[in-house]
Amino acid sequence: MYDLIYANLEMVPGYERYAQYAEAVLKEPDPLGYLANCEDVYWAVEQYLQQKICMSNNPKYRILEVGSGLGYLTYAIARRGYDVIGLDVSAEAVRRAIERYGEMFVCANLADYSEAHKSSLYYNTH
């Protein structure tokens, strides 16, 4: 289903803004700041990451964005210096994200990815 959506993104109601964000972040000096000014959820991501840096002696976090879609948020987080991977079940979305932003995306479902990487995953319970 998601491959169908991402293959026809410009025609799917509600998804056109995601296509706009995917292009816009490439032109912004601070892509995460740009997204934070566009929507509340991106503002919350930016605030959370800033608080984690201020409260931690180790500013280097590994982040897995589950449901990364077109990849613009993963890209924006990476531009802030975080070690981030975008994970999505749609091969079409991952293909587009890799084409646009580089090799920081994986096509898999969360259960399979977790199983394959369980020895390297860190679970933060805070």
PDB file of N, CA and C in Angstrom:
ATOM      1  N   MET A   1       0.817  -1.181   0.000  1.00  0.00           N
ATOM      2  CA  MET A   1       0.000   0.000   0.000  1.00  0.00           C
ATOM      3  C   MET A   1       0.877   1.268   0.000  1.00  0.00           C
ATOM      4  N   TYR A   2       1.905   1.296   0.860  1.00  0.00           N
ATOM      5  CA  TYR A   2       2.737   2.493   0.925  1.00  0.00           C
ATOM      6  C   TYR A   2       3.555   2.700  -0.345  1.00  0.00           C
ATOM      7  N   ASP A   3       3.958   1.615  -1.001  1.00  0.00           N
ATOM      8  CA  ASP A   3       4.654   1.776  -2.276  1.00  0.00           C
ATOM      9  C   ASP A   3       3.752   2.484  -3.279  1.00  0.00           C
ATOM     10  N   LEU A   4       2.464   2.141  -3.291  1.00  0.00           N
ATOM     11  CA  LEU A   4       1.504   2.796  -4.174  1.00  0.00           C
ATOM     12  C   LEU A   4       1.391   4.284  -3.832  1.00  0.00           C
ATOM     13  N   ILE A   5       1.318   4.591  -2.555  1.00  0.00           N
ATOM     14  CA  ILE A   5       1.229   5.996  -2.131  1.00  0.00           C
ATOM     15  C   ILE A   5       2.468   6.766  -2.557  1.00  0.00           C
ATOM     16  N   TYR A   6       3.656   6.237  -2.271  1.00  0.00           N
ATOM     17  CA  TYR A   6       4.877   6.974  -2.569  1.00  0.00           C
ATOM     18  C   TYR A   6       5.183   7.036  -4.062  1.00  0.00           C
ATOM     19  N   ALA A   7       4.685   6.077  -4.832  1.00  0.00           N
ATOM     20  CA  ALA A   7       4.867   6.124  -6.286  1.00  0.00           C
ATOM     21  C   ALA A   7       3.977   7.189  -6.915  1.00  0.00           C
ATOM     22  N   ASN A   8       2.915   7.590  -6.206  1.00  0.00           N
ATOM     23  CA  ASN A   8       1.961   8.584  -6.717  1.00  0.00           C
ATOM     24  C   ASN A   8       1.814   9.754  -5.759  1.00  0.00           C
ATOM     25  N   LEU A   9       2.870  10.081  -5.091  1.00  0.00           N
ATOM     26  CA  LEU A   9       2.861  11.027  -3.985  1.00  0.00           C
ATOM     27  C   LEU A   9       2.183  12.354  -4.298  1.00  0.00           C
ATOM     28  N   GLU A  10       2.452  12.905  -5.445  1.00  0.00           N
ATOM     29  CA  GLU A  10       1.936  14.228  -5.778  1.00  0.00           C
ATOM     30  C   GLU A  10       0.412  14.229  -5.935  1.00  0.00           C
ATOM     31  N   MET A  11      -0.195  13.059  -6.110  1.00  0.00           N
ATOM     32  CA  MET A  11      -1.648  12.966  -6.304  1.00  0.00           C
ATOM     33  C   MET A  11      -2.392  12.554  -5.040  1.00  0.00           C
ATOM     34  N   VAL A  12      -1.693  12.122  -4.007  1.00  0.00           N
ATOM     35  CA  VAL A  12      -2.341  11.580  -2.815  1.00  0.00           C
ATOM     36  C   VAL A  12      -2.685  12.726  -1.851  1.00  0.00           C
ATOM     37  N   PRO A  13      -3.969  12.873  -1.542  1.00  0.00           N
ATOM     38  CA  PRO A  13      -4.366  13.941  -0.619  1.00  0.00           C
ATOM     39  C   PRO A  13      -3.628  13.837   0.709  1.00  0.00           C
ATOM     40  N   GLY A  14      -3.120  14.948   1.186  1.00  0.00           N
ATOM     41  CA  GLY A  14      -2.427  14.994   2.463  1.00  0.00           C
ATOM     42  C   GLY A  14      -0.935  14.746   2.376  1.00  0.00           C
ATOM     43  N   TYR A  15      -0.456  14.199   1.274  1.00  0.00           N
ATOM     44  CA  TYR A  15       0.959  13.881   1.143  1.00  0.00           C
ATOM     45  C   TYR A  15       1.734  14.939   0.363  1.00  0.00           C
ATOM     46  N   GLU A  16       1.041  15.858  -0.269  1.00  0.00           N
ATOM     47  CA  GLU A  16       1.753  16.855  -1.070  1.00  0.00           C
ATOM     48  C   GLU A  16       2.692  17.715  -0.232  1.00  0.00           C
ATOM     49  N   ARG A  17       2.337  17.961   1.025  1.00  0.00           N
ATOM     50  CA  ARG A  17       3.227  18.764   1.871  1.00  0.00           C
ATOM     51  C   ARG A  17       4.527  18.019   2.167  1.00  0.00           C
ATOM     52  N   TYR A  18       4.461  16.685   2.240  1.00  0.00           N
ATOM     53  CA  TYR A  18       5.674  15.917   2.465  1.00  0.00           C
ATOM     54  C   TYR A  18       6.623  16.043   1.273  1.00  0.00           C
ATOM     55  N   ALA A  19       6.083  16.044   0.086  1.00  0.00           N
ATOM     56  CA  ALA A  19       6.904  16.239  -1.113  1.00  0.00           C
ATOM     57  C   ALA A  19       7.535  17.631  -1.092  1.00  0.00           C
ATOM     58  N   GLN A  20       6.787  18.615  -0.623  1.00  0.00           N
ATOM     59  CA  GLN A  20       7.323  19.977  -0.518  1.00  0.00           C
ATOM     60  C   GLN A  20       8.443  20.046   0.513  1.00  0.00           C
ATOM     61  N   TYR A  21       8.260  19.415   1.658  1.00  0.00           N
ATOM     62  CA  TYR A  21       9.310  19.405   2.682  1.00  0.00           C
ATOM     63  C   TYR A  21      10.568  18.710   2.170  1.00  0.00           C
ATOM     64  N   ALA A  22      10.381  17.626   1.418  1.00  0.00           N
ATOM     65  CA  ALA A  22      11.518  16.859   0.906  1.00  0.00           C
ATOM     66  C   ALA A  22      12.417  17.709   0.021  1.00  0.00           C
ATOM     67  N   GLU A  23      11.832  18.609  -0.730  1.00  0.00           N
ATOM     68  CA  GLU A  23      12.616  19.511  -1.579  1.00  0.00           C
ATOM     69  C   GLU A  23      13.152  20.703  -0.781  1.00  0.00           C
ATOM     70  N   ALA A  24      12.318  21.259   0.072  1.00  0.00           N
ATOM     71  CA  ALA A  24      12.678  22.484   0.796  1.00  0.00           C
ATOM     72  C   ALA A  24      13.878  22.293   1.717  1.00  0.00           C
ATOM     73  N   VAL A  25      13.985  21.142   2.394  1.00  0.00           N
ATOM     74  CA  VAL A  25      15.082  20.961   3.348  1.00  0.00           C
ATOM     75  C   VAL A  25      16.450  21.004   2.672  1.00  0.00           C
ATOM     76  N   LEU A  26      16.489  20.681   1.393  1.00  0.00           N
ATOM     77  CA  LEU A  26      17.765  20.727   0.663  1.00  0.00           C
ATOM     78  C   LEU A  26      18.278  22.151   0.471  1.00  0.00           C
ATOM     79  N   LYS A  27      17.380  23.115   0.537  1.00  0.00           N
ATOM     80  CA  LYS A  27      17.738  24.519   0.310  1.00  0.00           C
ATOM     81  C   LYS A  27      17.971  25.296   1.603  1.00  0.00           C
ATOM     82  N   GLU A  28      17.690  24.662   2.728  1.00  0.00           N
ATOM     83  CA  GLU A  28      17.757  25.352   4.018  1.00  0.00           C
ATOM     84  C   GLU A  28      19.100  25.124   4.709  1.00  0.00           C
ATOM     85  N   PRO A  29      19.690  26.184   5.283  1.00  0.00           N
ATOM     86  CA  PRO A  29      20.935  26.007   6.033  1.00  0.00           C
ATOM     87  C   PRO A  29      20.730  25.196   7.320  1.00  0.00           C
ATOM     88  N   ASP A  30      19.531  25.259   7.896  1.00  0.00           N
ATOM     89  CA  ASP A  30      19.183  24.493   9.093  1.00  0.00           C
ATOM     90  C   ASP A  30      17.871  23.761   8.825  1.00  0.00           C
ATOM     91  N   PRO A  31      17.945  22.596   8.171  1.00  0.00           N
ATOM     92  CA  PRO A  31      16.717  21.889   7.803  1.00  0.00           C
ATOM     93  C   PRO A  31      15.799  21.543   8.984  1.00  0.00           C
ATOM     94  N   LEU A  32      16.375  21.175  10.131  1.00  0.00           N
ATOM     95  CA  LEU A  32      15.534  20.829  11.273  1.00  0.00           C
ATOM     96  C   LEU A  32      14.831  22.070  11.823  1.00  0.00           C
ATOM     97  N   GLY A  33      15.521  23.178  11.858  1.00  0.00           N
ATOM     98  CA  GLY A  33      14.895  24.434  12.273  1.00  0.00           C
ATOM     99  C   GLY A  33      13.761  24.827  11.345  1.00  0.00           C
ATOM    100  N   TYR A  34      13.977  24.629  10.057  1.00  0.00           N
ATOM    101  CA  TYR A  34      12.930  24.913   9.072  1.00  0.00           C
ATOM    102  C   TYR A  34      11.696  24.059   9.350  1.00  0.00           C
ATOM    103  N   LEU A  35      11.897  22.745   9.516  1.00  0.00           N
ATOM    104  CA  LEU A  35      10.767  21.853   9.770  1.00  0.00           C
ATOM    105  C   LEU A  35      10.076  22.197  11.087  1.00  0.00           C
ATOM    106  N   ALA A  36      10.858  22.564  12.101  1.00  0.00           N
ATOM    107  CA  ALA A  36      10.296  22.919  13.405  1.00  0.00           C
ATOM    108  C   ALA A  36       9.385  24.131  13.309  1.00  0.00           C
ATOM    109  N   ASN A  37       9.653  25.005  12.366  1.00  0.00           N
ATOM    110  CA  ASN A  37       8.795  26.169  12.159  1.00  0.00           C
ATOM    111  C   ASN A  37       7.568  25.858  11.311  1.00  0.00           C
ATOM    112  N   CYS A  38       7.525  24.660  10.729  1.00  0.00           N
ATOM    113  CA  CYS A  38       6.403  24.273   9.866  1.00  0.00           C
ATOM    114  C   CYS A  38       5.315  23.491  10.587  1.00  0.00           C
ATOM    115  N   GLU A  39       5.723  22.594  11.478  1.00  0.00           N
ATOM    116  CA  GLU A  39       4.733  21.715  12.116  1.00  0.00           C
ATOM    117  C   GLU A  39       5.123  21.402  13.553  1.00  0.00           C
ATOM    118  N   ASP A  40       4.102  21.215  14.373  1.00  0.00           N
ATOM    119  CA  ASP A  40       4.313  20.984  15.801  1.00  0.00           C
ATOM    120  C   ASP A  40       5.147  19.748  16.102  1.00  0.00           C
ATOM    121  N   VAL A  41       4.949  18.671  15.378  1.00  0.00           N
ATOM    122  CA  VAL A  41       5.693  17.445  15.685  1.00  0.00           C
ATOM    123  C   VAL A  41       7.188  17.629  15.421  1.00  0.00           C
ATOM    124  N   TYR A  42       7.547  18.389  14.401  1.00  0.00           N
ATOM    125  CA  TYR A  42       8.961  18.638  14.113  1.00  0.00           C
ATOM    126  C   TYR A  42       9.550  19.601  15.143  1.00  0.00           C
ATOM    127  N   TRP A  43       8.748  20.529  15.618  1.00  0.00           N
ATOM    128  CA  TRP A  43       9.180  21.411  16.701  1.00  0.00           C
ATOM    129  C   TRP A  43       9.510  20.567  17.931  1.00  0.00           C
ATOM    130  N   ALA A  44       8.643  19.596  18.245  1.00  0.00           N
ATOM    131  CA  ALA A  44       8.860  18.742  19.412  1.00  0.00           C
ATOM    132  C   ALA A  44      10.117  17.889  19.251  1.00  0.00           C
ATOM    133  N   VAL A  45      10.375  17.391  18.054  1.00  0.00           N
ATOM    134  CA  VAL A  45      11.595  16.615  17.803  1.00  0.00           C
ATOM    135  C   VAL A  45      12.816  17.487  18.049  1.00  0.00           C
ATOM    136  N   GLU A  46      12.792  18.687  17.505  1.00  0.00           N
ATOM    137  CA  GLU A  46      13.930  19.592  17.692  1.00  0.00           C
ATOM    138  C   GLU A  46      14.145  19.912  19.167  1.00  0.00           C
ATOM    139  N   GLN A  47      13.073  20.211  19.894  1.00  0.00           N
ATOM    140  CA  GLN A  47      13.184  20.532  21.318  1.00  0.00           C
ATOM    141  C   GLN A  47      13.709  19.347  22.113  1.00  0.00           C
ATOM    142  N   TYR A  48      13.214  18.166  21.831  1.00  0.00           N
ATOM    143  CA  TYR A  48      13.656  16.963  22.532  1.00  0.00           C
ATOM    144  C   TYR A  48      15.146  16.733  22.314  1.00  0.00           C
ATOM    145  N   LEU A  49      15.597  16.848  21.082  1.00  0.00           N
ATOM    146  CA  LEU A  49      17.015  16.640  20.791  1.00  0.00           C
ATOM    147  C   LEU A  49      17.876  17.693  21.480  1.00  0.00           C
ATOM    148  N   GLN A  50      17.440  18.934  21.488  1.00  0.00           N
ATOM    149  CA  GLN A  50      18.198  19.991  22.171  1.00  0.00           C
ATOM    150  C   GLN A  50      18.283  19.723  23.665  1.00  0.00           C
ATOM    151  N   GLN A  51      17.201  19.274  24.271  1.00  0.00           N
ATOM    152  CA  GLN A  51      17.211  18.975  25.701  1.00  0.00           C
ATOM    153  C   GLN A  51      18.122  17.806  26.010  1.00  0.00           C
ATOM    154  N   LYS A  52      18.137  16.804  25.164  1.00  0.00           N
ATOM    155  CA  LYS A  52      19.006  15.644  25.373  1.00  0.00           C
ATOM    156  C   LYS A  52      20.472  16.053  25.342  1.00  0.00           C
ATOM    157  N   ILE A  53      20.839  16.950  24.446  1.00  0.00           N
ATOM    158  CA  ILE A  53      22.220  17.418  24.371  1.00  0.00           C
ATOM    159  C   ILE A  53      22.581  18.171  25.645  1.00  0.00           C
ATOM    160  N   CYS A  54      21.728  19.058  26.085  1.00  0.00           N
ATOM    161  CA  CYS A  54      22.010  19.879  27.264  1.00  0.00           C
ATOM    162  C   CYS A  54      22.074  19.045  28.547  1.00  0.00           C
ATOM    163  N   MET A  55      21.310  17.974  28.613  1.00  0.00           N
ATOM    164  CA  MET A  55      21.237  17.175  29.831  1.00  0.00           C
ATOM    165  C   MET A  55      22.228  16.017  29.845  1.00  0.00           C
ATOM    166  N   SER A  56      22.998  15.857  28.787  1.00  0.00           N
ATOM    167  CA  SER A  56      23.850  14.684  28.668  1.00  0.00           C
ATOM    168  C   SER A  56      25.317  15.067  28.581  1.00  0.00           C
ATOM    169  N   ASN A  57      26.147  14.212  29.123  1.00  0.00           N
ATOM    170  CA  ASN A  57      27.586  14.396  28.946  1.00  0.00           C
ATOM    171  C   ASN A  57      28.049  13.815  27.622  1.00  0.00           C
ATOM    172  N   ASN A  58      27.171  13.073  26.944  1.00  0.00           N
ATOM    173  CA  ASN A  58      27.489  12.447  25.670  1.00  0.00           C
ATOM    174  C   ASN A  58      26.501  12.942  24.610  1.00  0.00           C
ATOM    175  N   PRO A  59      26.877  13.951  23.845  1.00  0.00           N
ATOM    176  CA  PRO A  59      25.949  14.536  22.875  1.00  0.00           C
ATOM    177  C   PRO A  59      25.738  13.682  21.623  1.00  0.00           C
ATOM    178  N   LYS A  60      26.395  12.546  21.526  1.00  0.00           N
ATOM    179  CA  LYS A  60      26.284  11.712  20.329  1.00  0.00           C
ATOM    180  C   LYS A  60      25.264  10.601  20.566  1.00  0.00           C
ATOM    181  N   TYR A  61      24.087  10.755  20.023  1.00  0.00           N
ATOM    182  CA  TYR A  61      23.039   9.762  20.143  1.00  0.00           C
ATOM    183  C   TYR A  61      22.859   9.036  18.824  1.00  0.00           C
ATOM    184  N   ARG A  62      22.460   7.776  18.906  1.00  0.00           N
ATOM    185  CA  ARG A  62      22.093   7.007  17.726  1.00  0.00           C
ATOM    186  C   ARG A  62      20.571   7.022  17.661  1.00  0.00           C
ATOM    187  N   ILE A  63      20.045   7.426  16.523  1.00  0.00           N
ATOM    188  CA  ILE A  63      18.605   7.602  16.376  1.00  0.00           C
ATOM    189  C   ILE A  63      18.112   6.741  15.230  1.00  0.00           C
ATOM    190  N   LEU A  64      16.990   6.079  15.443  1.00  0.00           N
ATOM    191  CA  LEU A  64      16.310   5.327  14.406  1.00  0.00           C
ATOM    192  C   LEU A  64      14.966   5.999  14.186  1.00  0.00           C
ATOM    193  N   GLU A  65      14.790   6.598  13.011  1.00  0.00           N
ATOM    194  CA  GLU A  65      13.490   7.187  12.693  1.00  0.00           C
ATOM    195  C   GLU A  65      12.645   6.114  12.020  1.00  0.00           C
ATOM    196  N   VAL A  66      11.644   5.644  12.723  1.00  0.00           N
ATOM    197  CA  VAL A  66      10.764   4.597  12.213  1.00  0.00           C
ATOM    198  C   VAL A  66       9.632   5.264  11.432  1.00  0.00           C
ATOM    199  N   GLY A  67       9.462   4.829  10.189  1.00  0.00           N
ATOM    200  CA  GLY A  67       8.471   5.446   9.311  1.00  0.00           C
ATOM    201  C   GLY A  67       9.021   6.702   8.673  1.00  0.00           C
ATOM    202  N   SER A  68      10.251   6.628   8.176  1.00  0.00           N
ATOM    203  CA  SER A  68      10.942   7.815   7.664  1.00  0.00           C
ATOM    204  C   SER A  68      10.403   8.329   6.339  1.00  0.00           C
ATOM    205  N   GLY A  69       9.589   7.554   5.649  1.00  0.00           N
ATOM    206  CA  GLY A  69       8.969   8.036   4.414  1.00  0.00           C
ATOM    207  C   GLY A  69       9.977   8.580   3.431  1.00  0.00           C
ATOM    208  N   LEU A  70       9.782   9.810   2.999  1.00  0.00           N
ATOM    209  CA  LEU A  70      10.664  10.441   2.011  1.00  0.00           C
ATOM    210  C   LEU A  70      12.026  10.815   2.557  1.00  0.00           C
ATOM    211  N   GLY A  71      12.205  10.754   3.868  1.00  0.00           N
ATOM    212  CA  GLY A  71      13.519  10.920   4.459  1.00  0.00           C
ATOM    213  C   GLY A  71      13.930  12.314   4.863  1.00  0.00           C
ATOM    214  N   TYR A  72      13.069  13.293   4.693  1.00  0.00           N
ATOM    215  CA  TYR A  72      13.486  14.670   4.979  1.00  0.00           C
ATOM    216  C   TYR A  72      13.768  14.917   6.457  1.00  0.00           C
ATOM    217  N   LEU A  73      13.035  14.268   7.367  1.00  0.00           N
ATOM    218  CA  LEU A  73      13.315  14.460   8.793  1.00  0.00           C
ATOM    219  C   LEU A  73      14.619  13.764   9.178  1.00  0.00           C
ATOM    220  N   THR A  74      14.844  12.571   8.664  1.00  0.00           N
ATOM    221  CA  THR A  74      16.110  11.876   8.908  1.00  0.00           C
ATOM    222  C   THR A  74      17.269  12.739   8.438  1.00  0.00           C
ATOM    223  N   TYR A  75      17.147  13.285   7.253  1.00  0.00           N
ATOM    224  CA  TYR A  75      18.171  14.162   6.686  1.00  0.00           C
ATOM    225  C   TYR A  75      18.394  15.388   7.587  1.00  0.00           C
ATOM    226  N   ALA A  76      17.302  16.003   8.026  1.00  0.00           N
ATOM    227  CA  ALA A  76      17.403  17.205   8.869  1.00  0.00           C
ATOM    228  C   ALA A  76      18.091  16.885  10.198  1.00  0.00           C
ATOM    229  N   ILE A  77      17.781  15.751  10.773  1.00  0.00           N
ATOM    230  CA  ILE A  77      18.414  15.339  12.024  1.00  0.00           C
ATOM    231  C   ILE A  77      19.902  15.077  11.798  1.00  0.00           C
ATOM    232  N   ALA A  78      20.222  14.424  10.701  1.00  0.00           N
ATOM    233  CA  ALA A  78      21.628  14.150  10.374  1.00  0.00           C
ATOM    234  C   ALA A  78      22.414  15.445  10.189  1.00  0.00           C
ATOM    235  N   ARG A  79      21.802  16.448   9.591  1.00  0.00           N
ATOM    236  CA  ARG A  79      22.479  17.737   9.391  1.00  0.00           C
ATOM    237  C   ARG A  79      22.797  18.428  10.713  1.00  0.00           C
ATOM    238  N   ARG A  80      22.095  18.066  11.778  1.00  0.00           N
ATOM    239  CA  ARG A  80      22.394  18.593  13.110  1.00  0.00           C
ATOM    240  C   ARG A  80      23.541  17.827  13.766  1.00  0.00           C
ATOM    241  N   GLY A  81      24.044  16.796  13.092  1.00  0.00           N
ATOM    242  CA  GLY A  81      25.187  16.071  13.611  1.00  0.00           C
ATOM    243  C   GLY A  81      24.870  14.763  14.300  1.00  0.00           C
ATOM    244  N   TYR A  82      23.632  14.346  14.280  1.00  0.00           N
ATOM    245  CA  TYR A  82      23.254  13.090  14.914  1.00  0.00           C
ATOM    246  C   TYR A  82      23.509  11.913  13.989  1.00  0.00           C
ATOM    247  N   ASP A  83      23.790  10.775  14.600  1.00  0.00           N
ATOM    248  CA  ASP A  83      23.935   9.504  13.900  1.00  0.00           C
ATOM    249  C   ASP A  83      22.524   8.940  13.763  1.00  0.00           C
ATOM    250  N   VAL A  84      21.948   9.005  12.576  1.00  0.00           N
ATOM    251  CA  VAL A  84      20.540   8.647  12.381  1.00  0.00           C
ATOM    252  C   VAL A  84      20.374   7.739  11.175  1.00  0.00           C
ATOM    253  N   ILE A  85      19.421   6.831  11.301  1.00  0.00           N
ATOM    254  CA  ILE A  85      19.025   5.953  10.202  1.00  0.00           C
ATOM    255  C   ILE A  85      17.518   6.094  10.043  1.00  0.00           C
ATOM    256  N   GLY A  86      17.065   6.184   8.805  1.00  0.00           N
ATOM    257  CA  GLY A  86      15.641   6.197   8.504  1.00  0.00           C
ATOM    258  C   GLY A  86      15.193   4.798   8.123  1.00  0.00           C
ATOM    259  N   LEU A  87      14.113   4.344   8.717  1.00  0.00           N
ATOM    260  CA  LEU A  87      13.580   3.012   8.467  1.00  0.00           C
ATOM    261  C   LEU A  87      12.159   3.137   7.949  1.00  0.00           C
ATOM    262  N   ASP A  88      11.867   2.473   6.831  1.00  0.00           N
ATOM    263  CA  ASP A  88      10.519   2.516   6.289  1.00  0.00           C
ATOM    264  C   ASP A  88      10.204   1.198   5.598  1.00  0.00           C
ATOM    265  N   VAL A  89       8.928   0.818   5.590  1.00  0.00           N
ATOM    266  CA  VAL A  89       8.510  -0.422   4.937  1.00  0.00           C
ATOM    267  C   VAL A  89       8.328  -0.255   3.433  1.00  0.00           C
ATOM    268  N   SER A  90       8.284   0.971   2.965  1.00  0.00           N
ATOM    269  CA  SER A  90       8.069   1.220   1.543  1.00  0.00           C
ATOM    270  C   SER A  90       9.390   1.277   0.784  1.00  0.00           C
ATOM    271  N   ALA A  91       9.583   0.330  -0.115  1.00  0.00           N
ATOM    272  CA  ALA A  91      10.792   0.332  -0.953  1.00  0.00           C
ATOM    273  C   ALA A  91      10.844   1.586  -1.820  1.00  0.00           C
ATOM    274  N   GLU A  92       9.698   2.054  -2.260  1.00  0.00           N
ATOM    275  CA  GLU A  92       9.644   3.264  -3.090  1.00  0.00           C
ATOM    276  C   GLU A  92      10.074   4.492  -2.290  1.00  0.00           C
ATOM    277  N   ALA A  93       9.600   4.621  -1.068  1.00  0.00           N
ATOM    278  CA  ALA A  93       9.985   5.753  -0.225  1.00  0.00           C
ATOM    279  C   ALA A  93      11.477   5.710   0.072  1.00  0.00           C
ATOM    280  N   VAL A  94      11.993   4.547   0.401  1.00  0.00           N
ATOM    281  CA  VAL A  94      13.421   4.406   0.703  1.00  0.00           C
ATOM    282  C   VAL A  94      14.257   4.701  -0.536  1.00  0.00           C
ATOM    283  N   ARG A  95      13.819   4.233  -1.685  1.00  0.00           N
ATOM    284  CA  ARG A  95      14.540   4.517  -2.931  1.00  0.00           C
ATOM    285  C   ARG A  95      14.633   6.026  -3.158  1.00  0.00           C
ATOM    286  N   ARG A  96      13.503   6.705  -3.007  1.00  0.00           N
ATOM    287  CA  ARG A  96      13.487   8.163  -3.198  1.00  0.00           C
ATOM    288  C   ARG A  96      14.372   8.878  -2.169  1.00  0.00           C
ATOM    289  N   ALA A  97      14.322   8.423  -0.927  1.00  0.00           N
ATOM    290  CA  ALA A  97      15.122   9.048   0.133  1.00  0.00           C
ATOM    291  C   ALA A  97      16.616   8.871  -0.133  1.00  0.00           C
ATOM    292  N   ILE A  98      17.024   7.682  -0.508  1.00  0.00           N
ATOM    293  CA  ILE A  98      18.441   7.431  -0.803  1.00  0.00           C
ATOM    294  C   ILE A  98      18.888   8.262  -1.995  1.00  0.00           C
ATOM    295  N   GLU A  99      18.047   8.315  -3.000  1.00  0.00           N
ATOM    296  CA  GLU A  99      18.365   9.098  -4.197  1.00  0.00           C
ATOM    297  C   GLU A  99      18.566  10.578  -3.862  1.00  0.00           C
ATOM    298  N   ARG A 100      17.757  11.082  -2.947  1.00  0.00           N
ATOM    299  CA  ARG A 100      17.792  12.508  -2.618  1.00  0.00           C
ATOM    300  C   ARG A 100      18.840  12.845  -1.551  1.00  0.00           C
ATOM    301  N   TYR A 101      18.990  11.994  -0.529  1.00  0.00           N
ATOM    302  CA  TYR A 101      19.800  12.360   0.637  1.00  0.00           C
ATOM    303  C   TYR A 101      20.994  11.457   0.910  1.00  0.00           C
ATOM    304  N   GLY A 102      21.072  10.311   0.275  1.00  0.00           N
ATOM    305  CA  GLY A 102      22.207   9.431   0.512  1.00  0.00           C
ATOM    306  C   GLY A 102      21.839   8.166   1.266  1.00  0.00           C
ATOM    307  N   GLU A 103      22.847   7.406   1.578  1.00  0.00           N
ATOM    308  CA  GLU A 103      22.695   6.049   2.120  1.00  0.00           C
ATOM    309  C   GLU A 103      22.470   6.013   3.631  1.00  0.00           C
ATOM    310  N   MET A 104      21.428   6.659   4.114  1.00  0.00           N
ATOM    311  CA  MET A 104      21.118   6.594   5.546  1.00  0.00           C
ATOM    312  C   MET A 104      19.731   6.002   5.787  1.00  0.00           C
ATOM    313  N   PHE A 105      19.247   5.208   4.813  1.00  0.00           N
ATOM    314  CA  PHE A 105      17.891   4.668   4.881  1.00  0.00           C
ATOM    315  C   PHE A 105      17.886   3.168   4.645  1.00  0.00           C
ATOM    316  N   VAL A 106      16.954   2.491   5.319  1.00  0.00           N
ATOM    317  CA  VAL A 106      16.822   1.045   5.226  1.00  0.00           C
ATOM    318  C   VAL A 106      15.351   0.716   4.980  1.00  0.00           C
ATOM    319  N   CYS A 107      15.116  -0.232   4.084  1.00  0.00           N
ATOM    320  CA  CYS A 107      13.759  -0.714   3.843  1.00  0.00           C
ATOM    321  C   CYS A 107      13.564  -2.011   4.619  1.00  0.00           C
ATOM    322  N   ALA A 108      12.742  -1.946   5.661  1.00  0.00           N
ATOM    323  CA  ALA A 108      12.434  -3.121   6.485  1.00  0.00           C
ATOM    324  C   ALA A 108      11.301  -2.740   7.427  1.00  0.00           C
ATOM    325  N   ASN A 109      10.708  -3.751   8.033  1.00  0.00           N
ATOM    326  CA  ASN A 109       9.755  -3.443   9.094  1.00  0.00           C
ATOM    327  C   ASN A 109      10.512  -3.451  10.424  1.00  0.00           C
ATOM    328  N   LEU A 110       9.946  -2.832  11.422  1.00  0.00           N
ATOM    329  CA  LEU A 110      10.639  -2.647  12.690  1.00  0.00           C
ATOM    330  C   LEU A 110      10.988  -3.978  13.359  1.00  0.00           C
ATOM    331  N   ALA A 111      10.097  -4.940  13.306  1.00  0.00           N
ATOM    332  CA  ALA A 111      10.363  -6.231  13.953  1.00  0.00           C
ATOM    333  C   ALA A 111      11.576  -6.914  13.326  1.00  0.00           C
ATOM    334  N   ASP A 112      11.622  -6.956  12.004  1.00  0.00           N
ATOM    335  CA  ASP A 112      12.756  -7.592  11.329  1.00  0.00           C
ATOM    336  C   ASP A 112      14.057  -6.831  11.571  1.00  0.00           C
ATOM    337  N   TYR A 113      13.985  -5.514  11.504  1.00  0.00           N
ATOM    338  CA  TYR A 113      15.175  -4.695  11.734  1.00  0.00           C
ATOM    339  C   TYR A 113      15.697  -4.902  13.160  1.00  0.00           C
ATOM    340  N   SER A 114      14.790  -4.889  14.125  1.00  0.00           N
ATOM    341  CA  SER A 114      15.186  -5.076  15.524  1.00  0.00           C
ATOM    342  C   SER A 114      15.837  -6.432  15.739  1.00  0.00           C
ATOM    343  N   GLU A 115      15.255  -7.451  15.155  1.00  0.00           N
ATOM    344  CA  GLU A 115      15.808  -8.802  15.298  1.00  0.00           C
ATOM    345  C   GLU A 115      17.199  -8.887  14.685  1.00  0.00           C
ATOM    346  N   ALA A 116      17.375  -8.302  13.519  1.00  0.00           N
ATOM    347  CA  ALA A 116      18.664  -8.365  12.827  1.00  0.00           C
ATOM    348  C   ALA A 116      19.743  -7.527  13.509  1.00  0.00           C
ATOM    349  N   HIS A 117      19.336  -6.533  14.284  1.00  0.00           N
ATOM    350  CA  HIS A 117      20.298  -5.609  14.903  1.00  0.00           C
ATOM    351  C   HIS A 117      20.231  -5.606  16.421  1.00  0.00           C
ATOM    352  N   LYS A 118      19.652  -6.631  17.025  1.00  0.00           N
ATOM    353  CA  LYS A 118      19.440  -6.594  18.476  1.00  0.00           C
ATOM    354  C   LYS A 118      20.723  -6.489  19.285  1.00  0.00           C
ATOM    355  N   SER A 119      21.824  -6.975  18.771  1.00  0.00           N
ATOM    356  CA  SER A 119      23.068  -6.871  19.522  1.00  0.00           C
ATOM    357  C   SER A 119      23.636  -5.454  19.501  1.00  0.00           C
ATOM    358  N   SER A 120      23.197  -4.627  18.551  1.00  0.00           N
ATOM    359  CA  SER A 120      23.739  -3.272  18.460  1.00  0.00           C
ATOM    360  C   SER A 120      22.734  -2.209  18.891  1.00  0.00           C
ATOM    361  N   LEU A 121      21.526  -2.593  19.255  1.00  0.00           N
ATOM    362  CA  LEU A 121      20.516  -1.622  19.646  1.00  0.00           C
ATOM    363  C   LEU A 121      20.648  -1.253  21.112  1.00  0.00           C
ATOM    364  N   TYR A 122      20.476   0.018  21.382  1.00  0.00           N
ATOM    365  CA  TYR A 122      20.477   0.545  22.746  1.00  0.00           C
ATOM    366  C   TYR A 122      19.071   1.026  23.027  1.00  0.00           C
ATOM    367  N   TYR A 123      18.493   0.544  24.077  1.00  0.00           N
ATOM    368  CA  TYR A 123      17.143   0.956  24.428  1.00  0.00           C
ATOM    369  C   TYR A 123      17.196   1.944  25.584  1.00  0.00           C
ATOM    370  N   ASN A 124      16.764   3.154  25.330  1.00  0.00           N
ATOM    371  CA  ASN A 124      16.706   4.188  26.374  1.00  0.00           C
ATOM    372  C   ASN A 124      15.317   4.170  26.964  1.00  0.00           C
ATOM    373  N   THR A 125      15.208   3.914  28.243  1.00  0.00           N
ATOM    374  CA  THR A 125      13.911   3.817  28.893  1.00  0.00           C
ATOM    375  C   THR A 125      13.500   5.129  29.566  1.00  0.00           C
ATOM    376  N   HIS A 126      14.251   6.191  29.345  1.00  0.00           N
ATOM    377  CA  HIS A 126      13.923   7.452  30.005  1.00  0.00           C
ATOM    378  C   HIS A 126      13.134   8.332  29.078  1.00  0.00           C
TER     379      HIS A 126
END
